[in-house]
């Protein structure tokens, strides 16, 4: 149940450098291009692969707190893992 964050040349950090996949859980949660992901459900996120792995492991489809930094502000966004939209990676 990935969030479908496009990969960037800086995969080693969790910053989103490209557009968020329209209709994805990330889009539904309000994640914006340039957001830096800090944690998911109080688990630190060091890269997108870690985030994807954690979301795939949570099959409950419950809403989880996703903490991001946007323009020097810390925001907590509610994200609900679910199947990706058709055609998404």
Protein backbone atom coordinates (compact mmCIF):
# COMPACT_ATOMS: atom_id res chain seq x y z
CA UNK A 1 0.00 0.00 0.00
CA UNK A 2 2.54 2.61 -1.06
CA UNK A 3 2.09 6.34 -1.00
CA UNK A 4 3.45 6.67 -4.53
CA UNK A 5 6.05 9.36 -3.91
CA UNK A 6 8.01 9.99 -7.10
CA UNK A 7 11.69 9.26 -6.64
CA UNK A 8 14.17 12.08 -6.92
CA UNK A 9 17.91 12.24 -7.39
CA UNK A 10 18.15 12.63 -3.61
CA UNK A 11 16.57 9.35 -2.53
CA UNK A 12 18.85 9.28 0.49
CA UNK A 13 16.70 11.88 2.22
CA UNK A 14 12.95 11.84 2.49
CA UNK A 15 12.41 15.16 0.75
CA UNK A 16 9.85 15.20 -2.02
CA UNK A 17 11.30 17.00 -5.00
CA UNK A 18 8.65 16.15 -7.58
CA UNK A 19 4.88 16.24 -7.75
CA UNK A 20 2.90 13.90 -5.54
CA UNK A 21 0.94 11.27 -7.49
CA UNK A 22 -2.59 12.62 -8.03
CA UNK A 23 -5.20 10.48 -6.23
CA UNK A 24 -2.58 8.70 -4.12
CA UNK A 25 -2.82 8.43 -0.33
CA UNK A 26 -0.07 11.08 -0.11
CA UNK A 27 -2.15 13.43 -2.25
CA UNK A 28 -5.25 12.69 -0.18
CA UNK A 29 -3.29 13.44 3.01
CA UNK A 30 -2.15 16.80 1.67
CA UNK A 31 1.53 16.03 1.12
CA UNK A 32 3.03 18.72 -1.11
CA UNK A 33 6.09 18.77 -3.36
CA UNK A 34 9.13 19.73 -1.28
CA UNK A 35 7.75 18.36 2.01
CA UNK A 36 10.40 16.57 4.06
CA UNK A 37 9.02 13.47 5.74
CA UNK A 38 10.14 13.10 9.34
CA UNK A 39 8.12 10.19 10.72
CA UNK A 40 5.18 7.85 10.22
CA UNK A 41 3.29 6.77 13.32
CA UNK A 42 6.24 7.95 15.48
CA UNK A 43 8.79 5.89 13.49
CA UNK A 44 11.58 8.03 11.99
CA UNK A 45 11.75 7.99 8.19
CA UNK A 46 15.19 8.24 6.61
CA UNK A 47 14.16 7.56 3.00
CA UNK A 48 11.18 6.78 0.80
CA UNK A 49 11.94 3.05 0.77
CA UNK A 50 11.59 2.96 4.57
CA UNK A 51 8.29 4.77 4.36
CA UNK A 52 7.00 2.39 1.68
CA UNK A 53 8.09 -0.64 3.73
CA UNK A 54 6.35 0.61 6.88
CA UNK A 55 3.15 1.35 5.01
CA UNK A 56 3.16 -2.04 3.32
CA UNK A 57 3.59 -3.70 6.71
CA UNK A 58 0.51 -1.93 8.11
CA UNK A 59 -2.36 -3.84 6.53
CA UNK A 60 -4.94 -2.38 8.92
CA UNK A 61 -5.71 0.58 6.63
CA UNK A 62 -5.98 2.73 9.75
CA UNK A 63 -5.15 6.43 9.57
CA UNK A 64 -1.55 7.09 10.59
CA UNK A 65 0.14 10.39 11.54
CA UNK A 66 2.69 11.46 8.94
CA UNK A 67 4.96 14.25 10.21
CA UNK A 68 6.46 16.50 7.56
CA UNK A 69 8.37 19.77 7.45
CA UNK A 70 7.02 22.30 4.98
CA UNK A 71 8.63 25.73 4.66
CA UNK A 72 10.20 25.41 8.14
CA UNK A 73 6.89 24.38 9.76
CA UNK A 74 6.24 20.96 11.25
CA UNK A 75 2.88 19.52 10.16
CA UNK A 76 1.14 16.29 11.06
CA UNK A 77 -0.93 14.91 8.20
CA UNK A 78 -3.36 11.98 8.47
CA UNK A 79 -2.50 9.33 5.89
CA UNK A 80 -4.44 6.13 5.26
CA UNK A 81 -2.55 3.37 3.44
CA UNK A 82 -4.51 1.82 0.57
CA UNK A 83 -3.98 0.31 -2.84
CA UNK A 84 -2.43 2.62 -5.40
CA UNK A 85 -4.56 4.14 -8.16
CA UNK A 86 -4.46 2.35 -11.51
CA UNK A 87 -1.23 3.01 -13.37
CA UNK A 88 0.65 4.27 -10.32
CA UNK A 89 3.93 2.67 -9.36
